[in-house]
Amino acid sequence: MTEKVKVYQMNLDGEIDARKVAEINRVVGQLIKGEMYGLILNFEAVEHINFATLPSLVEEKKRLQAFGGDLRLACLSDYVKNIFKTTNILEEFQVFDSAQQAAKSFGVTKPVMSLPLGL
């Protein structure tokens, strides 16, 4: 039995700024081309996120949803979570304590950690 949604996990680190959000945008485009519509953003090593980038994350979530997928967040520190809350963006996302929990929410046991060749 094949899993319905193919899921990719992107591990983020440091500060999330416009440059890193552009990389997320590129990855979402690659996932859609490769028919992998689930994306987990792992914030475990993120120290800060620029609040101005949050609307772009919501747009990427909507883009994946248009193809039947979704974008989910994992491992947000209290500090990063508060940035999402302050900008009223947190409720736009499903947030999980671990990337494994986020993967299970998609119905998969383990996300893909590297994009397939050609993407």
N, C-alpha and C. Protein backbone atom coordinates (compact mmCIF):
# COMPACT_ATOMS: atom_id res chain seq x y z
N MET A 1 0.84 -1.19 0.00
CA MET A 1 0.00 0.00 0.00
C MET A 1 0.88 1.24 0.00
N THR A 2 0.65 2.15 -0.93
CA THR A 2 1.45 3.36 -0.98
C THR A 2 0.81 4.45 -0.12
N GLU A 3 1.67 5.30 0.40
CA GLU A 3 1.17 6.40 1.23
C GLU A 3 0.59 7.47 0.33
N LYS A 4 -0.51 8.05 0.74
CA LYS A 4 -1.24 9.01 -0.09
C LYS A 4 -0.42 10.27 -0.34
N VAL A 5 0.15 10.83 0.73
CA VAL A 5 0.89 12.08 0.61
C VAL A 5 2.36 11.78 0.84
N LYS A 6 3.19 12.24 -0.08
CA LYS A 6 4.63 12.14 0.12
C LYS A 6 5.06 13.40 0.89
N VAL A 7 5.87 13.20 1.90
CA VAL A 7 6.20 14.30 2.82
C VAL A 7 7.70 14.52 2.85
N TYR A 8 8.09 15.79 2.77
CA TYR A 8 9.48 16.20 2.86
C TYR A 8 9.68 17.03 4.12
N GLN A 9 10.78 16.80 4.81
CA GLN A 9 11.11 17.57 6.00
C GLN A 9 12.28 18.49 5.68
N MET A 10 12.11 19.78 5.95
CA MET A 10 13.16 20.77 5.74
C MET A 10 13.61 21.27 7.11
N ASN A 11 14.88 21.02 7.43
CA ASN A 11 15.43 21.45 8.71
C ASN A 11 15.99 22.86 8.57
N LEU A 12 15.47 23.76 9.37
CA LEU A 12 15.89 25.16 9.34
C LEU A 12 16.83 25.43 10.51
N ASP A 13 17.66 26.48 10.36
CA ASP A 13 18.53 26.85 11.48
C ASP A 13 18.84 28.34 11.45
N GLY A 14 19.34 28.82 12.58
CA GLY A 14 19.75 30.22 12.68
C GLY A 14 18.57 31.16 12.62
N GLU A 15 18.73 32.22 11.82
CA GLU A 15 17.67 33.21 11.66
C GLU A 15 16.94 32.98 10.34
N ILE A 16 15.62 33.00 10.41
CA ILE A 16 14.80 32.87 9.20
C ILE A 16 14.52 34.28 8.70
N ASP A 17 15.12 34.60 7.56
CA ASP A 17 14.96 35.92 6.96
C ASP A 17 14.41 35.75 5.54
N ALA A 18 14.36 36.83 4.79
CA ALA A 18 13.80 36.77 3.44
C ALA A 18 14.56 35.79 2.55
N ARG A 19 15.87 35.67 2.73
CA ARG A 19 16.67 34.76 1.92
C ARG A 19 16.28 33.30 2.19
N LYS A 20 16.10 32.96 3.46
CA LYS A 20 15.71 31.59 3.78
C LYS A 20 14.28 31.30 3.35
N VAL A 21 13.40 32.28 3.43
CA VAL A 21 12.02 32.07 2.96
C VAL A 21 12.01 31.87 1.45
N ALA A 22 12.90 32.56 0.73
CA ALA A 22 13.02 32.34 -0.71
C ALA A 22 13.44 30.89 -0.99
N GLU A 23 14.31 30.33 -0.15
CA GLU A 23 14.71 28.93 -0.29
C GLU A 23 13.52 28.00 -0.04
N ILE A 24 12.70 28.34 0.97
CA ILE A 24 11.49 27.55 1.24
C ILE A 24 10.56 27.61 0.02
N ASN A 25 10.41 28.79 -0.56
CA ASN A 25 9.57 28.95 -1.76
C ASN A 25 10.07 28.06 -2.89
N ARG A 26 11.39 28.00 -3.07
CA ARG A 26 11.99 27.18 -4.12
C ARG A 26 11.71 25.69 -3.85
N VAL A 27 11.86 25.29 -2.60
CA VAL A 27 11.61 23.89 -2.23
C VAL A 27 10.15 23.53 -2.47
N VAL A 28 9.23 24.42 -2.11
CA VAL A 28 7.80 24.14 -2.34
C VAL A 28 7.55 23.93 -3.84
N GLY A 29 8.15 24.76 -4.67
CA GLY A 29 8.00 24.59 -6.12
C GLY A 29 8.53 23.24 -6.58
N GLN A 30 9.67 22.81 -6.03
CA GLN A 30 10.24 21.51 -6.37
C GLN A 30 9.33 20.38 -5.90
N LEU A 31 8.78 20.53 -4.71
CA LEU A 31 7.89 19.48 -4.18
C LEU A 31 6.66 19.32 -5.06
N ILE A 32 6.10 20.43 -5.49
CA ILE A 32 4.91 20.37 -6.34
C ILE A 32 5.26 19.68 -7.67
N LYS A 33 6.41 20.01 -8.25
CA LYS A 33 6.85 19.36 -9.50
C LYS A 33 7.02 17.86 -9.30
N GLY A 34 7.51 17.48 -8.13
CA GLY A 34 7.77 16.07 -7.85
C GLY A 34 6.61 15.36 -7.20
N GLU A 35 5.46 16.03 -7.15
CA GLU A 35 4.24 15.48 -6.56
C GLU A 35 4.44 15.03 -5.11
N MET A 36 5.23 15.82 -4.38
CA MET A 36 5.38 15.63 -2.94
C MET A 36 4.72 16.84 -2.29
N TYR A 37 3.54 16.67 -1.78
CA TYR A 37 2.74 17.82 -1.36
C TYR A 37 2.76 18.09 0.13
N GLY A 38 3.47 17.32 0.89
CA GLY A 38 3.56 17.56 2.32
C GLY A 38 4.91 18.14 2.67
N LEU A 39 4.93 19.19 3.48
CA LEU A 39 6.19 19.80 3.89
C LEU A 39 6.15 20.05 5.39
N ILE A 40 7.17 19.56 6.07
CA ILE A 40 7.36 19.84 7.50
C ILE A 40 8.54 20.78 7.61
N LEU A 41 8.32 21.94 8.22
CA LEU A 41 9.42 22.85 8.52
C LEU A 41 9.83 22.59 9.96
N ASN A 42 11.05 22.09 10.12
CA ASN A 42 11.57 21.76 11.44
C ASN A 42 12.35 22.97 11.97
N PHE A 43 11.82 23.60 13.00
CA PHE A 43 12.39 24.80 13.58
C PHE A 43 13.32 24.52 14.76
N GLU A 44 13.71 23.27 14.94
CA GLU A 44 14.48 22.88 16.13
C GLU A 44 15.72 23.74 16.36
N ALA A 45 16.44 24.12 15.30
CA ALA A 45 17.68 24.90 15.44
C ALA A 45 17.50 26.37 15.08
N VAL A 46 16.25 26.85 15.01
CA VAL A 46 15.99 28.25 14.66
C VAL A 46 16.08 29.12 15.91
N GLU A 47 16.84 30.19 15.78
CA GLU A 47 17.00 31.13 16.89
C GLU A 47 16.04 32.32 16.80
N HIS A 48 15.72 32.73 15.57
CA HIS A 48 14.86 33.91 15.38
C HIS A 48 14.22 33.81 14.00
N ILE A 49 13.03 34.39 13.90
CA ILE A 49 12.37 34.51 12.59
C ILE A 49 11.92 35.95 12.43
N ASN A 50 12.25 36.51 11.29
CA ASN A 50 11.86 37.88 10.98
C ASN A 50 10.34 37.89 10.75
N PHE A 51 9.64 38.69 11.55
CA PHE A 51 8.16 38.68 11.48
C PHE A 51 7.65 39.04 10.10
N ALA A 52 8.40 39.82 9.33
CA ALA A 52 7.96 40.22 8.00
C ALA A 52 7.91 39.05 7.03
N THR A 53 8.57 37.94 7.35
CA THR A 53 8.58 36.78 6.45
C THR A 53 7.38 35.87 6.66
N LEU A 54 6.66 36.04 7.76
CA LEU A 54 5.58 35.11 8.09
C LEU A 54 4.45 35.06 7.06
N PRO A 55 4.01 36.20 6.49
CA PRO A 55 2.97 36.10 5.46
C PRO A 55 3.39 35.23 4.26
N SER A 56 4.69 35.22 3.94
CA SER A 56 5.17 34.37 2.84
C SER A 56 5.01 32.90 3.18
N LEU A 57 5.21 32.54 4.45
CA LEU A 57 5.01 31.14 4.85
C LEU A 57 3.55 30.73 4.69
N VAL A 58 2.65 31.65 5.03
CA VAL A 58 1.22 31.38 4.85
C VAL A 58 0.91 31.17 3.37
N GLU A 59 1.51 31.98 2.50
CA GLU A 59 1.28 31.83 1.06
C GLU A 59 1.78 30.48 0.55
N GLU A 60 2.94 30.03 1.06
CA GLU A 60 3.46 28.73 0.64
C GLU A 60 2.55 27.60 1.12
N LYS A 61 1.99 27.75 2.31
CA LYS A 61 1.03 26.76 2.82
C LYS A 61 -0.18 26.70 1.88
N LYS A 62 -0.69 27.84 1.48
CA LYS A 62 -1.85 27.89 0.58
C LYS A 62 -1.52 27.29 -0.78
N ARG A 63 -0.29 27.51 -1.24
CA ARG A 63 0.12 26.95 -2.53
C ARG A 63 0.13 25.43 -2.47
N LEU A 64 0.67 24.87 -1.40
CA LEU A 64 0.66 23.42 -1.24
C LEU A 64 -0.77 22.89 -1.10
N GLN A 65 -1.61 23.60 -0.36
CA GLN A 65 -2.99 23.17 -0.18
C GLN A 65 -3.75 23.15 -1.50
N ALA A 66 -3.39 24.03 -2.42
CA ALA A 66 -4.04 24.06 -3.74
C ALA A 66 -3.78 22.76 -4.51
N PHE A 67 -2.71 22.05 -4.14
CA PHE A 67 -2.38 20.77 -4.78
C PHE A 67 -2.75 19.59 -3.90
N GLY A 68 -3.51 19.84 -2.84
CA GLY A 68 -3.95 18.76 -1.97
C GLY A 68 -2.98 18.44 -0.85
N GLY A 69 -2.00 19.30 -0.63
CA GLY A 69 -1.01 19.05 0.42
C GLY A 69 -1.14 20.05 1.57
N ASP A 70 -0.06 20.14 2.33
CA ASP A 70 -0.08 21.07 3.46
C ASP A 70 1.35 21.33 3.92
N LEU A 71 1.50 22.37 4.71
CA LEU A 71 2.76 22.74 5.32
C LEU A 71 2.53 22.75 6.83
N ARG A 72 3.37 22.03 7.56
CA ARG A 72 3.22 21.94 9.01
C ARG A 72 4.52 22.32 9.68
N LEU A 73 4.41 22.83 10.89
CA LEU A 73 5.57 23.31 11.64
C LEU A 73 5.87 22.37 12.79
N ALA A 74 7.17 22.22 13.10
CA ALA A 74 7.58 21.36 14.20
C ALA A 74 8.71 22.02 14.99
N CYS A 75 8.73 21.73 16.28
CA CYS A 75 9.83 22.10 17.17
C CYS A 75 10.05 23.61 17.32
N LEU A 76 8.96 24.37 17.42
CA LEU A 76 9.11 25.80 17.64
C LEU A 76 9.47 26.08 19.09
N SER A 77 10.50 26.88 19.30
CA SER A 77 10.83 27.30 20.66
C SER A 77 9.74 28.26 21.13
N ASP A 78 9.66 28.48 22.42
CA ASP A 78 8.66 29.43 22.94
C ASP A 78 8.87 30.81 22.34
N TYR A 79 10.14 31.20 22.16
CA TYR A 79 10.46 32.51 21.59
C TYR A 79 9.91 32.64 20.16
N VAL A 80 10.20 31.64 19.33
CA VAL A 80 9.74 31.68 17.93
C VAL A 80 8.21 31.57 17.88
N LYS A 81 7.65 30.73 18.72
CA LYS A 81 6.19 30.59 18.77
C LYS A 81 5.53 31.92 19.12
N ASN A 82 6.14 32.68 20.02
CA ASN A 82 5.59 33.98 20.40
C ASN A 82 5.62 34.97 19.24
N ILE A 83 6.62 34.88 18.37
CA ILE A 83 6.66 35.75 17.18
C ILE A 83 5.47 35.41 16.28
N PHE A 84 5.20 34.13 16.10
CA PHE A 84 4.03 33.71 15.30
C PHE A 84 2.74 34.21 15.96
N LYS A 85 2.65 34.08 17.29
CA LYS A 85 1.44 34.51 18.00
C LYS A 85 1.24 36.02 17.90
N THR A 86 2.31 36.77 18.10
CA THR A 86 2.23 38.24 18.09
C THR A 86 1.71 38.76 16.75
N THR A 87 2.06 38.08 15.68
CA THR A 87 1.63 38.51 14.35
C THR A 87 0.33 37.83 13.90
N ASN A 88 -0.31 37.11 14.81
CA ASN A 88 -1.57 36.41 14.52
C ASN A 88 -1.45 35.42 13.37
N ILE A 89 -0.28 34.81 13.22
CA ILE A 89 -0.04 33.85 12.15
C ILE A 89 -0.08 32.41 12.67
N LEU A 90 0.13 32.22 13.97
CA LEU A 90 0.25 30.87 14.52
C LEU A 90 -0.96 30.00 14.20
N GLU A 91 -2.16 30.58 14.29
CA GLU A 91 -3.37 29.78 14.06
C GLU A 91 -3.53 29.34 12.61
N GLU A 92 -2.70 29.86 11.71
CA GLU A 92 -2.73 29.44 10.30
C GLU A 92 -2.12 28.06 10.10
N PHE A 93 -1.35 27.59 11.09
CA PHE A 93 -0.57 26.37 10.93
C PHE A 93 -0.92 25.33 11.98
N GLN A 94 -0.70 24.07 11.60
CA GLN A 94 -0.68 22.99 12.57
C GLN A 94 0.75 22.92 13.09
N VAL A 95 0.89 22.97 14.41
CA VAL A 95 2.21 23.00 15.04
C VAL A 95 2.37 21.75 15.90
N PHE A 96 3.54 21.12 15.79
CA PHE A 96 3.81 19.89 16.52
C PHE A 96 5.09 20.02 17.32
N ASP A 97 5.15 19.25 18.42
CA ASP A 97 6.33 19.27 19.29
C ASP A 97 7.53 18.60 18.64
N SER A 98 7.28 17.68 17.72
CA SER A 98 8.38 16.99 17.05
C SER A 98 8.06 16.81 15.57
N ALA A 99 9.12 16.64 14.79
CA ALA A 99 8.93 16.39 13.36
C ALA A 99 8.24 15.04 13.14
N GLN A 100 8.51 14.09 14.02
CA GLN A 100 7.88 12.76 13.90
C GLN A 100 6.36 12.88 14.09
N GLN A 101 5.93 13.69 15.05
CA GLN A 101 4.48 13.90 15.24
C GLN A 101 3.87 14.56 14.01
N ALA A 102 4.60 15.52 13.43
CA ALA A 102 4.10 16.19 12.23
C ALA A 102 3.98 15.19 11.08
N ALA A 103 4.96 14.30 10.94
CA ALA A 103 4.90 13.28 9.89
C ALA A 103 3.70 12.38 10.09
N LYS A 104 3.46 11.96 11.33
CA LYS A 104 2.30 11.10 11.61
C LYS A 104 1.00 11.80 11.26
N SER A 105 0.95 13.13 11.43
CA SER A 105 -0.28 13.86 11.09
C SER A 105 -0.58 13.80 9.60
N PHE A 106 0.44 13.55 8.79
CA PHE A 106 0.27 13.37 7.35
C PHE A 106 -0.07 11.92 7.01
N GLY A 107 0.05 11.03 8.00
CA GLY A 107 -0.21 9.62 7.76
C GLY A 107 1.01 8.85 7.30
N VAL A 108 2.21 9.42 7.51
CA VAL A 108 3.44 8.72 7.15
C VAL A 108 4.25 8.49 8.41
N THR A 109 5.08 7.47 8.39
CA THR A 109 5.89 7.17 9.56
C THR A 109 7.17 7.98 9.59
N LYS A 110 7.68 8.31 8.39
CA LYS A 110 8.94 9.04 8.33
C LYS A 110 8.96 9.91 7.07
N PRO A 111 9.28 11.21 7.21
CA PRO A 111 9.35 12.05 6.03
C PRO A 111 10.65 11.80 5.25
N VAL A 112 10.65 12.20 3.99
CA VAL A 112 11.83 12.15 3.16
C VAL A 112 12.74 13.30 3.61
N MET A 113 14.03 13.02 3.77
CA MET A 113 14.94 14.07 4.23
C MET A 113 15.73 14.71 3.10
N SER A 114 15.75 14.07 1.94
CA SER A 114 16.45 14.67 0.81
C SER A 114 15.52 14.61 -0.42
N LEU A 115 15.57 15.66 -1.21
CA LEU A 115 14.71 15.71 -2.38
C LEU A 115 15.19 14.70 -3.41
N PRO A 116 14.26 14.09 -4.15
CA PRO A 116 14.65 13.16 -5.21
C PRO A 116 15.53 13.85 -6.25
N LEU A 117 16.41 13.08 -6.87
CA LEU A 117 17.26 13.64 -7.93
C LEU A 117 16.40 14.26 -9.02
N GLY A 118 16.85 15.36 -9.55
CA GLY A 118 16.13 16.04 -10.62
C GLY A 118 15.22 17.15 -10.11
N LEU A 119 15.06 17.23 -8.79
CA LEU A 119 14.22 18.31 -8.25
C LEU A 119 15.09 19.39 -7.65
